Amino acid sequence: MDAQKLWRTIRTPLILLVLIAVVALGTLWAWQQILKPSPKAQPAPCVPQTVQDGKLLSQQVTVTVDNAGSKQGLAGQVSRSLTAQKFVVTGTGNSTSIVTQDVVVVGYAVDAPEVKLVAAQFPKAEVRADTTMTDHLVRVIVGDQFAGMKDKAAAAIAVDAPSVCLPALPSASASPTS
């Protein structure tokens, strides 16, 4: 009977210790999940867009503009100029990288037609590839050496394919309207 009485005496504190351990481990796990960085959102993949008469038009190309220089409002100025050329500008901001060149145009591939068309707008654009840009958005980074855009740059570029993979246009339709 002594063993039975001993078991009754230690059973409740033992169960309490096990429950405390379970709660402590659960709390530790939950805290680690809260502190874990969220997975970086991947850009949406590109959407095939039909080219008209074998030409990619500026209104089919989506661009963001970043200011990497010290001149305030430079990204907005370039954004307005690109919008006047009918490019779809979806945002402007400040770049965390420093650009010593006039303009850097970044796209999925240096030979992508949308990148070539945007780069053609600037007299001294350096073109860089970033294969993480799977949505085929084109990023323009302007620095303090920015000298302006070309006066009569092309608004279209010849393409060999019937469609080009580009970001979905902000409008209801993925195809441009003339």
C-alpha atoms as a PDB file:
ATOM      1  CA  MET A   1       0.000   0.000   0.000  1.00  0.00           C
ATOM      2  CA  ASP A   2       2.890   2.321   0.528  1.00  0.00           C
ATOM      3  CA  ALA A   3       3.759   2.172  -3.174  1.00  0.00           C
ATOM      4  CA  GLN A   4       0.174   3.052  -4.091  1.00  0.00           C
ATOM      5  CA  LYS A   5       0.138   5.960  -1.624  1.00  0.00           C
ATOM      6  CA  LEU A   6       3.525   7.153  -2.954  1.00  0.00           C
ATOM      7  CA  TRP A   7       2.244   6.991  -6.564  1.00  0.00           C
ATOM      8  CA  ARG A   8      -0.826   9.099  -5.625  1.00  0.00           C
ATOM      9  CA  THR A   9       1.441  11.636  -3.974  1.00  0.00           C
ATOM     10  CA  ILE A  10       3.829  12.098  -6.915  1.00  0.00           C
ATOM     11  CA  ARG A  11       1.344  11.578  -9.756  1.00  0.00           C
ATOM     12  CA  THR A  12      -0.207  15.068  -9.679  1.00  0.00           C
ATOM     13  CA  PRO A  13       3.107  17.022  -9.530  1.00  0.00           C
ATOM     14  CA  LEU A  14       4.556  14.753 -12.228  1.00  0.00           C
ATOM     15  CA  ILE A  15       1.607  15.387 -14.555  1.00  0.00           C
ATOM     16  CA  LEU A  16       1.874  19.111 -13.788  1.00  0.00           C
ATOM     17  CA  LEU A  17       5.591  19.117 -14.732  1.00  0.00           C
ATOM     18  CA  VAL A  18       4.850  17.291 -18.004  1.00  0.00           C
ATOM     19  CA  LEU A  19       2.104  19.812 -18.860  1.00  0.00           C
ATOM     20  CA  ILE A  20       4.404  22.744 -18.041  1.00  0.00           C
ATOM     21  CA  ALA A  21       7.082  21.248 -20.313  1.00  0.00           C
ATOM     22  CA  VAL A  22       4.562  20.816 -23.154  1.00  0.00           C
ATOM     23  CA  VAL A  23       3.349  24.424 -22.785  1.00  0.00           C
ATOM     24  CA  ALA A  24       6.945  25.736 -22.617  1.00  0.00           C
ATOM     25  CA  LEU A  25       7.973  23.826 -25.754  1.00  0.00           C
ATOM     26  CA  GLY A  26       4.825  25.013 -27.563  1.00  0.00           C
ATOM     27  CA  THR A  27       5.533  28.611 -26.587  1.00  0.00           C
ATOM     28  CA  LEU A  28       9.154  28.323 -27.723  1.00  0.00           C
ATOM     29  CA  TRP A  29       8.081  26.877 -31.074  1.00  0.00           C
ATOM     30  CA  ALA A  30       5.446  29.626 -31.560  1.00  0.00           C
ATOM     31  CA  TRP A  31       7.993  32.353 -30.728  1.00  0.00           C
ATOM     32  CA  GLN A  32      10.426  30.926 -33.277  1.00  0.00           C
ATOM     33  CA  GLN A  33       7.680  30.930 -35.918  1.00  0.00           C
ATOM     34  CA  ILE A  34       6.902  34.579 -35.181  1.00  0.00           C
ATOM     35  CA  LEU A  35      10.552  35.604 -35.497  1.00  0.00           C
ATOM     36  CA  LYS A  36      11.169  33.585 -38.666  1.00  0.00           C
ATOM     37  CA  PRO A  37      11.379  35.882 -41.704  1.00  0.00           C
ATOM     38  CA  SER A  38       8.476  35.516 -44.089  1.00  0.00           C
ATOM     39  CA  PRO A  39       9.284  33.991 -47.471  1.00  0.00           C
ATOM     40  CA  LYS A  40      10.058  36.642 -50.071  1.00  0.00           C
ATOM     41  CA  ALA A  41       7.176  37.081 -52.454  1.00  0.00           C
ATOM     42  CA  GLN A  42       8.094  36.083 -55.974  1.00  0.00           C
ATOM     43  CA  PRO A  43       6.846  38.293 -58.784  1.00  0.00           C
ATOM     44  CA  ALA A  44       4.016  36.906 -60.831  1.00  0.00           C
ATOM     45  CA  PRO A  45       5.225  35.186 -63.968  1.00  0.00           C
ATOM     46  CA  CYS A  46       4.912  37.043 -67.222  1.00  0.00           C
ATOM     47  CA  VAL A  47       1.848  36.871 -69.446  1.00  0.00           C
ATOM     48  CA  PRO A  48       2.138  36.342 -73.228  1.00  0.00           C
ATOM     49  CA  GLN A  49       0.992  39.492 -75.018  1.00  0.00           C
ATOM     50  CA  THR A  50       0.327  39.649 -78.732  1.00  0.00           C
ATOM     51  CA  VAL A  51       2.536  41.947 -80.766  1.00  0.00           C
ATOM     52  CA  GLN A  52       0.936  43.970 -83.530  1.00  0.00           C
ATOM     53  CA  ASP A  53       2.505  43.881 -86.996  1.00  0.00           C
ATOM     54  CA  GLY A  54       5.635  42.225 -85.559  1.00  0.00           C
ATOM     55  CA  LYS A  55       6.362  45.172 -83.249  1.00  0.00           C
ATOM     56  CA  LEU A  56       6.392  45.473 -79.475  1.00  0.00           C
ATOM     57  CA  LEU A  57       4.814  48.820 -78.590  1.00  0.00           C
ATOM     58  CA  SER A  58       5.861  51.052 -75.702  1.00  0.00           C
ATOM     59  CA  GLN A  59       2.348  50.860 -74.187  1.00  0.00           C
ATOM     60  CA  GLN A  60       2.867  47.110 -73.690  1.00  0.00           C
ATOM     61  CA  VAL A  61       6.024  47.585 -71.593  1.00  0.00           C
ATOM     62  CA  THR A  62       5.781  48.022 -67.817  1.00  0.00           C
ATOM     63  CA  VAL A  63       8.499  50.082 -66.133  1.00  0.00           C
ATOM     64  CA  THR A  64       9.484  51.222 -62.642  1.00  0.00           C
ATOM     65  CA  VAL A  65      11.890  54.111 -62.104  1.00  0.00           C
ATOM     66  CA  ASP A  66      14.304  54.460 -59.179  1.00  0.00           C
ATOM     67  CA  ASN A  67      16.433  57.456 -58.271  1.00  0.00           C
ATOM     68  CA  ALA A  68      19.940  56.387 -57.242  1.00  0.00           C
ATOM     69  CA  GLY A  69      21.321  59.903 -57.191  1.00  0.00           C
ATOM     70  CA  SER A  70      21.125  62.891 -54.900  1.00  0.00           C
ATOM     71  CA  LYS A  71      18.924  65.026 -57.174  1.00  0.00           C
ATOM     72  CA  GLN A  72      15.453  65.082 -55.692  1.00  0.00           C
ATOM     73  CA  GLY A  73      12.546  64.315 -58.040  1.00  0.00           C
ATOM     74  CA  LEU A  74      14.679  62.693 -60.730  1.00  0.00           C
ATOM     75  CA  ALA A  75      12.661  59.444 -60.758  1.00  0.00           C
ATOM     76  CA  GLY A  76       9.437  61.411 -61.126  1.00  0.00           C
ATOM     77  CA  GLN A  77      10.869  63.430 -64.007  1.00  0.00           C
ATOM     78  CA  VAL A  78      11.975  60.284 -65.866  1.00  0.00           C
ATOM     79  CA  SER A  79       8.661  58.618 -65.053  1.00  0.00           C
ATOM     80  CA  ARG A  80       6.723  61.480 -66.640  1.00  0.00           C
ATOM     81  CA  SER A  81       8.938  61.351 -69.733  1.00  0.00           C
ATOM     82  CA  LEU A  82       8.425  57.600 -70.105  1.00  0.00           C
ATOM     83  CA  THR A  83       4.666  58.016 -69.600  1.00  0.00           C
ATOM     84  CA  ALA A  84       4.691  60.650 -72.357  1.00  0.00           C
ATOM     85  CA  GLN A  85       6.291  57.977 -74.578  1.00  0.00           C
ATOM     86  CA  LYS A  86       3.300  55.741 -73.594  1.00  0.00           C
ATOM     87  CA  PHE A  87       5.240  53.292 -71.392  1.00  0.00           C
ATOM     88  CA  VAL A  88       3.258  51.906 -68.458  1.00  0.00           C
ATOM     89  CA  VAL A  89       5.041  53.283 -65.383  1.00  0.00           C
ATOM     90  CA  THR A  90       3.865  51.455 -62.260  1.00  0.00           C
ATOM     91  CA  GLY A  91       6.037  53.101 -59.664  1.00  0.00           C
ATOM     92  CA  THR A  92       8.883  55.392 -58.700  1.00  0.00           C
ATOM     93  CA  GLY A  93      11.156  55.373 -55.712  1.00  0.00           C
ATOM     94  CA  ASN A  94      14.638  55.697 -54.350  1.00  0.00           C
ATOM     95  CA  SER A  95      17.223  53.036 -55.047  1.00  0.00           C
ATOM     96  CA  THR A  96      19.367  51.583 -52.295  1.00  0.00           C
ATOM     97  CA  SER A  97      22.148  50.947 -54.793  1.00  0.00           C
ATOM     98  CA  ILE A  98      24.443  53.707 -55.973  1.00  0.00           C
ATOM     99  CA  VAL A  99      24.695  54.222 -59.709  1.00  0.00           C
ATOM    100  CA  THR A 100      27.673  56.075 -61.111  1.00  0.00           C
ATOM    101  CA  GLN A 101      26.408  55.778 -64.688  1.00  0.00           C
ATOM    102  CA  ASP A 102      23.870  57.966 -66.427  1.00  0.00           C
ATOM    103  CA  VAL A 103      21.105  55.325 -66.512  1.00  0.00           C
ATOM    104  CA  VAL A 104      20.960  51.619 -65.779  1.00  0.00           C
ATOM    105  CA  VAL A 105      18.163  49.565 -67.338  1.00  0.00           C
ATOM    106  CA  VAL A 106      17.539  46.241 -65.591  1.00  0.00           C
ATOM    107  CA  GLY A 107      15.389  43.474 -67.041  1.00  0.00           C
ATOM    108  CA  TYR A 108      15.070  39.701 -67.196  1.00  0.00           C
ATOM    109  CA  ALA A 109      17.611  39.480 -70.043  1.00  0.00           C
ATOM    110  CA  VAL A 110      19.750  42.081 -71.793  1.00  0.00           C
ATOM    111  CA  ASP A 111      18.465  40.950 -75.185  1.00  0.00           C
ATOM    112  CA  ALA A 112      14.774  40.930 -74.196  1.00  0.00           C
ATOM    113  CA  PRO A 113      12.779  43.217 -76.534  1.00  0.00           C
ATOM    114  CA  GLU A 114      11.165  45.151 -73.666  1.00  0.00           C
ATOM    115  CA  VAL A 115      14.603  45.901 -72.201  1.00  0.00           C
ATOM    116  CA  LYS A 116      15.990  46.965 -75.571  1.00  0.00           C
ATOM    117  CA  LEU A 117      13.013  49.270 -76.162  1.00  0.00           C
ATOM    118  CA  VAL A 118      13.393  50.993 -72.790  1.00  0.00           C
ATOM    119  CA  ALA A 119      17.181  51.265 -73.139  1.00  0.00           C
ATOM    120  CA  ALA A 120      16.695  52.896 -76.555  1.00  0.00           C
ATOM    121  CA  GLN A 121      15.024  55.839 -74.793  1.00  0.00           C
ATOM    122  CA  PHE A 122      18.313  56.867 -73.167  1.00  0.00           C
ATOM    123  CA  PRO A 123      21.524  57.919 -74.973  1.00  0.00           C
ATOM    124  CA  LYS A 124      23.931  56.270 -72.510  1.00  0.00           C
ATOM    125  CA  ALA A 125      22.000  53.422 -70.893  1.00  0.00           C
ATOM    126  CA  GLU A 126      23.865  50.511 -69.350  1.00  0.00           C
ATOM    127  CA  VAL A 127      21.794  47.323 -69.581  1.00  0.00           C
ATOM    128  CA  ARG A 128      21.905  44.633 -66.897  1.00  0.00           C
ATOM    129  CA  ALA A 129      20.178  41.271 -66.581  1.00  0.00           C
ATOM    130  CA  ASP A 130      18.357  40.096 -63.458  1.00  0.00           C
ATOM    131  CA  THR A 131      16.899  36.623 -63.963  1.00  0.00           C
ATOM    132  CA  THR A 132      14.831  36.929 -60.779  1.00  0.00           C
ATOM    133  CA  MET A 133      12.591  39.390 -62.625  1.00  0.00           C
ATOM    134  CA  THR A 134      10.420  36.608 -64.039  1.00  0.00           C
ATOM    135  CA  ASP A 135       7.512  38.979 -64.608  1.00  0.00           C
ATOM    136  CA  HIS A 136       9.607  40.832 -67.253  1.00  0.00           C
ATOM    137  CA  LEU A 137       9.123  44.213 -65.599  1.00  0.00           C
ATOM    138  CA  VAL A 138      11.817  46.701 -66.633  1.00  0.00           C
ATOM    139  CA  ARG A 139      13.524  48.758 -63.934  1.00  0.00           C
ATOM    140  CA  VAL A 140      15.181  52.062 -64.787  1.00  0.00           C
ATOM    141  CA  ILE A 141      17.723  53.396 -62.282  1.00  0.00           C
ATOM    142  CA  VAL A 142      18.873  56.980 -62.824  1.00  0.00           C
ATOM    143  CA  GLY A 143      21.964  58.498 -61.235  1.00  0.00           C
ATOM    144  CA  ASP A 144      23.338  61.989 -60.777  1.00  0.00           C
ATOM    145  CA  GLN A 145      24.987  61.798 -64.217  1.00  0.00           C
ATOM    146  CA  PHE A 146      21.557  61.590 -65.906  1.00  0.00           C
ATOM    147  CA  ALA A 147      21.699  63.781 -69.004  1.00  0.00           C
ATOM    148  CA  GLY A 148      18.170  63.295 -70.287  1.00  0.00           C
ATOM    149  CA  MET A 149      16.299  61.088 -72.702  1.00  0.00           C
ATOM    150  CA  LYS A 150      16.613  60.863 -76.479  1.00  0.00           C
ATOM    151  CA  ASP A 151      14.443  63.367 -78.301  1.00  0.00           C
ATOM    152  CA  LYS A 152      13.103  61.026 -80.955  1.00  0.00           C
ATOM    153  CA  ALA A 153      13.441  57.536 -79.540  1.00  0.00           C
ATOM    154  CA  ALA A 154      11.518  54.666 -81.095  1.00  0.00           C
ATOM    155  CA  ALA A 155       8.104  53.861 -79.607  1.00  0.00           C
ATOM    156  CA  ALA A 156       8.242  50.263 -80.907  1.00  0.00           C
ATOM    157  CA  ILE A 157      10.760  47.532 -81.572  1.00  0.00           C
ATOM    158  CA  ALA A 158      10.644  44.706 -84.115  1.00  0.00           C
ATOM    159  CA  VAL A 159      10.003  41.252 -82.668  1.00  0.00           C
ATOM    160  CA  ASP A 160      10.296  37.892 -84.427  1.00  0.00           C
ATOM    161  CA  ALA A 161       7.629  36.133 -82.339  1.00  0.00           C
ATOM    162  CA  PRO A 162       3.828  36.579 -82.452  1.00  0.00           C
ATOM    163  CA  SER A 163       3.797  37.310 -78.713  1.00  0.00           C
ATOM    164  CA  VAL A 164       6.123  38.544 -75.986  1.00  0.00           C
ATOM    165  CA  CYS A 165       6.049  37.552 -72.330  1.00  0.00           C
ATOM    166  CA  LEU A 166       5.412  40.710 -70.271  1.00  0.00           C
ATOM    167  CA  PRO A 167       3.785  41.713 -66.975  1.00  0.00           C
ATOM    168  CA  ALA A 168       0.014  41.735 -67.011  1.00  0.00           C
ATOM    169  CA  LEU A 169      -1.174  45.211 -67.885  1.00  0.00           C
ATOM    170  CA  PRO A 170      -2.983  47.068 -65.088  1.00  0.00           C
ATOM    171  CA  SER A 171      -6.091  47.377 -67.281  1.00  0.00           C
ATOM    172  CA  ALA A 172      -8.744  44.668 -67.603  1.00  0.00           C
ATOM    173  CA  SER A 173      -7.211  43.463 -70.856  1.00  0.00           C
ATOM    174  CA  ALA A 174      -3.738  41.996 -71.338  1.00  0.00           C
ATOM    175  CA  SER A 175      -3.674  43.238 -74.933  1.00  0.00           C
ATOM    176  CA  PRO A 176      -3.035  46.896 -75.693  1.00  0.00           C
ATOM    177  CA  THR A 177      -5.691  48.951 -77.371  1.00  0.00           C
ATOM    178  CA  SER A 178      -4.604  51.211 -80.161  1.00  0.00           C
END
